[in-house]
C-alpha atoms as a PDB file:
ATOM      1  CA  MET A   1      28.020  -8.610 -29.271  1.00  0.00           C
ATOM      2  CA  ALA A   2      27.832  -5.224 -31.559  1.00  0.00           C
ATOM      3  CA  VAL A   3      28.314  -1.052 -29.785  1.00  0.00           C
ATOM      4  CA  LEU A   4      25.906   0.162 -31.798  1.00  0.00           C
ATOM      5  CA  ALA A   5      26.362   3.566 -33.619  1.00  0.00           C
ATOM      6  CA  ARG A   6      24.206   6.730 -33.912  1.00  0.00           C
ATOM      7  CA  ASN A   7      22.193   5.801 -36.860  1.00  0.00           C
ATOM      8  CA  GLU A   8      21.100   2.230 -35.420  1.00  0.00           C
ATOM      9  CA  LEU A   9      19.373   4.130 -32.389  1.00  0.00           C
ATOM     10  CA  LEU A  10      18.279   6.611 -34.417  1.00  0.00           C
ATOM     11  CA  LYS A  11      16.514   3.664 -36.428  1.00  0.00           C
ATOM     12  CA  LEU A  12      15.510   1.673 -33.465  1.00  0.00           C
ATOM     13  CA  ILE A  13      14.109   4.709 -32.302  1.00  0.00           C
ATOM     14  CA  LYS A  14      11.859   5.581 -35.177  1.00  0.00           C
ATOM     15  CA  ASP A  15      10.278   2.191 -35.555  1.00  0.00           C
ATOM     16  CA  GLY A  16       9.147   2.053 -31.772  1.00  0.00           C
ATOM     17  CA  VAL A  17      11.545  -0.785 -30.027  1.00  0.00           C
ATOM     18  CA  LEU A  18      13.989   1.381 -28.581  1.00  0.00           C
ATOM     19  CA  SER A  19      11.240   4.086 -26.717  1.00  0.00           C
ATOM     20  CA  ILE A  20      12.929   6.757 -24.782  1.00  0.00           C
ATOM     21  CA  GLU A  21      10.659   9.553 -22.986  1.00  0.00           C
ATOM     22  CA  PRO A  22      11.115  12.863 -22.603  1.00  0.00           C
ATOM     23  CA  PHE A  23      13.030  12.124 -26.620  1.00  0.00           C
ATOM     24  CA  SER A  24      15.673  14.360 -26.930  1.00  0.00           C
ATOM     25  CA  GLU A  25      17.859  14.490 -30.446  1.00  0.00           C
ATOM     26  CA  ASP A  26      20.451  15.503 -28.604  1.00  0.00           C
ATOM     27  CA  VAL A  27      20.391  12.360 -26.728  1.00  0.00           C
ATOM     28  CA  VAL A  28      22.043  10.211 -28.846  1.00  0.00           C
ATOM     29  CA  ARG A  29      26.188  10.336 -29.510  1.00  0.00           C
ATOM     30  CA  GLU A  30      27.851   8.831 -32.607  1.00  0.00           C
ATOM     31  CA  ASN A  31      28.055   5.065 -29.488  1.00  0.00           C
ATOM     32  CA  GLY A  32      25.901   5.394 -27.810  1.00  0.00           C
ATOM     33  CA  LEU A  33      23.435   7.000 -25.166  1.00  0.00           C
ATOM     34  CA  ASP A  34      23.714  10.171 -22.223  1.00  0.00           C
ATOM     35  CA  LEU A  35      20.941  10.501 -20.743  1.00  0.00           C
ATOM     36  CA  ARG A  36      20.018  13.712 -18.181  1.00  0.00           C
ATOM     37  CA  VAL A  37      19.883  13.987 -13.836  1.00  0.00           C
ATOM     38  CA  GLY A  38      16.339  13.437 -13.534  1.00  0.00           C
ATOM     39  CA  THR A  39      14.649  16.130 -10.296  1.00  0.00           C
ATOM     40  CA  GLU A  40      16.010  13.656  -7.679  1.00  0.00           C
ATOM     41  CA  TYR A  41      18.726  11.512  -5.148  1.00  0.00           C
ATOM     42  CA  ALA A  42      18.675   9.694  -2.705  1.00  0.00           C
ATOM     43  CA  ILE A  43      21.150   9.226  -0.134  1.00  0.00           C
ATOM     44  CA  TYR A  44      21.473   7.460   3.575  1.00  0.00           C
ATOM     45  CA  ALA A  45      19.830   8.537   6.159  1.00  0.00           C
ATOM     46  CA  PHE A  46      21.385   7.522   8.948  1.00  0.00           C
ATOM     47  CA  ASP A  47      25.699   7.143   9.857  1.00  0.00           C
ATOM     48  CA  GLY A  48      27.075   4.578  11.187  1.00  0.00           C
ATOM     49  CA  GLN A  49      24.248   2.093  10.656  1.00  0.00           C
ATOM     50  CA  VAL A  50      25.295  -1.899  10.050  1.00  0.00           C
ATOM     51  CA  ILE A  51      23.336  -3.061   7.485  1.00  0.00           C
ATOM     52  CA  ASP A  52      22.769  -6.298   6.356  1.00  0.00           C
ATOM     53  CA  PRO A  53      21.325  -6.695   2.617  1.00  0.00           C
ATOM     54  CA  CYS A  54      20.307  -9.681   3.291  1.00  0.00           C
ATOM     55  CA  GLU A  55      18.960  -9.424   6.179  1.00  0.00           C
ATOM     56  CA  LEU A  56      16.324  -6.996   4.648  1.00  0.00           C
ATOM     57  CA  GLU A  57      12.623  -6.984   2.156  1.00  0.00           C
ATOM     58  CA  SER A  58      13.258  -2.964   2.083  1.00  0.00           C
ATOM     59  CA  THR A  59      15.361  -0.335   1.990  1.00  0.00           C
ATOM     60  CA  ARG A  60      13.746   2.614   2.012  1.00  0.00           C
ATOM     61  CA  HIS A  61      13.430   3.427   5.078  1.00  0.00           C
ATOM     62  CA  LEU A  62      17.149   3.647   4.973  1.00  0.00           C
ATOM     63  CA  PHE A  63      17.522   6.821   2.229  1.00  0.00           C
ATOM     64  CA  SER A  64      16.342  10.210   2.070  1.00  0.00           C
ATOM     65  CA  ILE A  65      15.398  10.612  -1.086  1.00  0.00           C
ATOM     66  CA  VAL A  66      14.823  14.285  -2.068  1.00  0.00           C
ATOM     67  CA  GLU A  67      14.336  16.270  -4.566  1.00  0.00           C
ATOM     68  CA  ALA A  68      16.888  18.970  -6.379  1.00  0.00           C
ATOM     69  CA  LYS A  69      17.088  22.147  -4.745  1.00  0.00           C
ATOM     70  CA  ASP A  70      18.024  25.327  -6.865  1.00  0.00           C
ATOM     71  CA  GLY A  71      18.261  23.291  -9.301  1.00  0.00           C
ATOM     72  CA  ARG A  72      21.000  21.796  -7.325  1.00  0.00           C
ATOM     73  CA  ILE A  73      22.263  18.329  -6.261  1.00  0.00           C
ATOM     74  CA  VAL A  74      25.372  18.378  -4.112  1.00  0.00           C
ATOM     75  CA  ILE A  75      27.200  15.100  -3.397  1.00  0.00           C
ATOM     76  CA  PRO A  76      28.888  15.605  -0.059  1.00  0.00           C
ATOM     77  CA  PRO A  77      33.061  13.978  -0.128  1.00  0.00           C
ATOM     78  CA  ARG A  78      34.429  10.880  -0.265  1.00  0.00           C
ATOM     79  CA  SER A  79      30.034  10.357  -0.273  1.00  0.00           C
ATOM     80  CA  PHE A  80      27.772   8.396  -2.591  1.00  0.00           C
ATOM     81  CA  ALA A  81      24.361   9.112  -3.330  1.00  0.00           C
ATOM     82  CA  LEU A  82      21.596   7.232  -5.798  1.00  0.00           C
ATOM     83  CA  LEU A  83      20.682   9.880  -8.660  1.00  0.00           C
ATOM     84  CA  THR A  84      17.620   8.809 -11.058  1.00  0.00           C
ATOM     85  CA  THR A  85      17.861   9.555 -14.762  1.00  0.00           C
ATOM     86  CA  MET A  86      15.091  12.251 -16.620  1.00  0.00           C
ATOM     87  CA  GLU A  87      14.401   9.467 -19.176  1.00  0.00           C
ATOM     88  CA  TYR A  88      12.071   6.671 -19.534  1.00  0.00           C
ATOM     89  CA  VAL A  89      13.819   3.768 -21.529  1.00  0.00           C
ATOM     90  CA  LYS A  90      12.836   0.724 -22.608  1.00  0.00           C
ATOM     91  CA  PHE A  91      15.151  -1.187 -24.175  1.00  0.00           C
ATOM     92  CA  PRO A  92      14.578  -4.237 -27.407  1.00  0.00           C
ATOM     93  CA  LYS A  93      15.270  -7.624 -25.905  1.00  0.00           C
ATOM     94  CA  ASP A  94      18.173  -7.733 -27.607  1.00  0.00           C
ATOM     95  CA  VAL A  95      20.419  -4.491 -26.338  1.00  0.00           C
ATOM     96  CA  VAL A  96      21.992  -4.636 -23.183  1.00  0.00           C
ATOM     97  CA  GLY A  97      23.424  -1.113 -22.323  1.00  0.00           C
ATOM     98  CA  PHE A  98      26.692  -0.520 -20.482  1.00  0.00           C
ATOM     99  CA  CYS A  99      26.538   2.891 -18.118  1.00  0.00           C
ATOM    100  CA  ASN A 100      29.088   4.794 -17.875  1.00  0.00           C
ATOM    101  CA  LEU A 101      30.343   8.051 -16.845  1.00  0.00           C
ATOM    102  CA  ARG A 102      30.940  10.942 -19.005  1.00  0.00           C
ATOM    103  CA  SER A 103      34.461  11.277 -18.911  1.00  0.00           C
ATOM    104  CA  THR A 104      33.996  15.101 -18.249  1.00  0.00           C
ATOM    105  CA  LEU A 105      32.807  14.348 -14.550  1.00  0.00           C
ATOM    106  CA  ALA A 106      34.936  11.915 -13.825  1.00  0.00           C
ATOM    107  CA  ARG A 107      37.965  13.630 -14.339  1.00  0.00           C
ATOM    108  CA  TYR A 108      36.236  16.240 -11.491  1.00  0.00           C
ATOM    109  CA  GLY A 109      36.063  12.655  -9.195  1.00  0.00           C
ATOM    110  CA  LEU A 110      32.671  11.271  -9.931  1.00  0.00           C
ATOM    111  CA  SER A 111      32.776   7.154 -10.780  1.00  0.00           C
ATOM    112  CA  VAL A 112      29.941   5.444 -10.951  1.00  0.00           C
ATOM    113  CA  PRO A 113      30.148   1.977 -10.653  1.00  0.00           C
ATOM    114  CA  PRO A 114      29.821  -0.750 -13.849  1.00  0.00           C
ATOM    115  CA  THR A 115      26.485  -1.305 -14.175  1.00  0.00           C
ATOM    116  CA  ILE A 116      24.563  -2.589 -16.375  1.00  0.00           C
ATOM    117  CA  ILE A 117      21.029  -2.032 -18.276  1.00  0.00           C
ATOM    118  CA  ASP A 118      19.092  -5.026 -18.676  1.00  0.00           C
ATOM    119  CA  ALA A 119      17.850  -6.336 -22.082  1.00  0.00           C
ATOM    120  CA  GLY A 120      14.349  -5.717 -21.891  1.00  0.00           C
ATOM    121  CA  PHE A 121      14.879  -3.679 -18.706  1.00  0.00           C
ATOM    122  CA  GLU A 122      12.552  -0.957 -19.232  1.00  0.00           C
ATOM    123  CA  GLY A 123      11.962   2.406 -16.262  1.00  0.00           C
ATOM    124  CA  ASN A 124      14.049   5.669 -15.612  1.00  0.00           C
ATOM    125  CA  VAL A 125      17.835   3.670 -13.916  1.00  0.00           C
ATOM    126  CA  THR A 126      18.512   4.694 -10.983  1.00  0.00           C
ATOM    127  CA  ILE A 127      22.614   4.477  -9.995  1.00  0.00           C
ATOM    128  CA  GLU A 128      25.457   5.041  -7.924  1.00  0.00           C
ATOM    129  CA  VAL A 129      27.050   7.964  -8.513  1.00  0.00           C
ATOM    130  CA  ILE A 130      30.623   8.016  -6.107  1.00  0.00           C
ATOM    131  CA  ASN A 131      32.017  11.057  -5.311  1.00  0.00           C
ATOM    132  CA  ASN A 132      35.650  10.287  -5.128  1.00  0.00           C
ATOM    133  CA  SER A 133      36.778  13.882  -4.012  1.00  0.00           C
ATOM    134  CA  GLY A 134      37.509  16.024  -1.075  1.00  0.00           C
ATOM    135  CA  ASN A 135      35.143  18.253  -2.281  1.00  0.00           C
ATOM    136  CA  TYR A 136      31.342  18.637  -3.261  1.00  0.00           C
ATOM    137  CA  MET A 137      30.033  18.088  -5.883  1.00  0.00           C
ATOM    138  CA  VAL A 138      26.712  19.401  -7.441  1.00  0.00           C
ATOM    139  CA  LEU A 139      25.300  18.441 -10.483  1.00  0.00           C
ATOM    140  CA  ARG A 140      22.169  19.299 -12.437  1.00  0.00           C
ATOM    141  CA  PRO A 141      18.997  18.328 -13.378  1.00  0.00           C
ATOM    142  CA  ARG A 142      19.131  18.149 -17.350  1.00  0.00           C
ATOM    143  CA  MET A 143      22.022  18.327 -17.581  1.00  0.00           C
ATOM    144  CA  ARG A 144      23.753  15.055 -19.253  1.00  0.00           C
ATOM    145  CA  PHE A 145      25.638  12.387 -17.247  1.00  0.00           C
ATOM    146  CA  LEU A 146      25.065   8.996 -18.019  1.00  0.00           C
ATOM    147  CA  HIS A 147      26.902   7.559 -20.990  1.00  0.00           C
ATOM    148  CA  VAL A 148      25.521   3.865 -21.707  1.00  0.00           C
ATOM    149  CA  VAL A 149      26.443   1.655 -24.488  1.00  0.00           C
ATOM    150  CA  PRO A 150      23.643  -0.808 -26.323  1.00  0.00           C
ATOM    151  CA  VAL A 151      25.631  -3.372 -27.679  1.00  0.00           C
ATOM    152  CA  ARG A 152      23.676  -6.399 -29.775  1.00  0.00           C
ATOM    153  CA  ALA A 153      23.240  -9.663 -27.914  1.00  0.00           C
ATOM    154  CA  ILE A 154      23.265 -12.743 -29.475  1.00  0.00           C
ATOM    155  CA  GLY A 155      19.579 -13.446 -28.670  1.00  0.00           C
ATOM    156  CA  GLU A 156      16.832 -12.740 -26.192  1.00  0.00           C
ATOM    157  CA  ALA A 157      16.335 -12.117 -22.999  1.00  0.00           C
ATOM    158  CA  LYS A 158      13.464 -10.285 -21.503  1.00  0.00           C
ATOM    159  CA  TYR A 159      14.010  -8.684 -17.954  1.00  0.00           C
ATOM    160  CA  LEU A 160      12.123  -9.794 -15.060  1.00  0.00           C
ATOM    161  CA  GLY A 161      13.797  -8.474 -12.247  1.00  0.00           C
ATOM    162  CA  LYS A 162      13.034  -5.685  -9.385  1.00  0.00           C
ATOM    163  CA  TYR A 163      13.307  -3.182 -10.739  1.00  0.00           C
ATOM    164  CA  LEU A 164      11.303  -3.368 -13.972  1.00  0.00           C
ATOM    165  CA  GLY A 165       8.930  -0.240 -14.709  1.00  0.00           C
ATOM    166  CA  GLN A 166      10.911   1.512 -11.494  1.00  0.00           C
ATOM    167  CA  ARG A 167       9.934   5.307 -11.975  1.00  0.00           C
ATOM    168  CA  GLY A 168      12.212   7.755  -9.946  1.00  0.00           C
ATOM    169  CA  VAL A 169      14.683   7.588  -7.705  1.00  0.00           C
ATOM    170  CA  THR A 170      14.599   3.804  -6.432  1.00  0.00           C
ATOM    171  CA  PRO A 171      16.416   2.536  -3.125  1.00  0.00           C
ATOM    172  CA  PRO A 172      18.218  -1.023  -3.082  1.00  0.00           C
ATOM    173  CA  LYS A 173      15.638  -3.681  -2.630  1.00  0.00           C
ATOM    174  CA  GLY A 174      16.641  -6.234   0.293  1.00  0.00           C
ATOM    175  CA  MET A 175      18.070  -9.233  -1.278  1.00  0.00           C
ATOM    176  CA  LYS A 176      16.686 -11.368   1.940  1.00  0.00           C
ATOM    177  CA  GLY A 177      15.716 -15.256   1.264  1.00  0.00           C
ATOM    178  CA  GLU A 178      18.896 -14.998  -1.693  1.00  0.00           C
ATOM    179  CA  CYS A 179      21.046 -15.169   0.304  1.00  0.00           C
END
């Protein structure tokens, strides 16, 4: 595996092997991609529920999908929101993306769980952003928030997962039949 630097990422984009829409050159950083916050997000619609992913075929009823109001996404203290990227990405079959929060946002108490963009994935990236602080945290659509470190995999794989082609924020799919 090798981390792809800016010049290699720009070459993949120019050659149409890696696709980012809408594209802005400032998204391509020294050793990765900084994706931007989309305009919608999802939060739990209810508190205090018992949720068993193994019994669910769908979870959409558990979440409220919200458009950013006044250009703001507010994440309550010690809570989380599912955010989506503004960009629709299409990864090559031999490139994997490791996702991290930009370090400046992490210094405010935000975090994301370990997340991978699989080789061959296509869609908006939905990612959980956790507010570990005791304060309400505001994120704004179009701000760079998710740093993706693309690495070249040995061999190729075609992504066939249930999130292929997702558009907008996508709550978790149920795991019925997998447990």
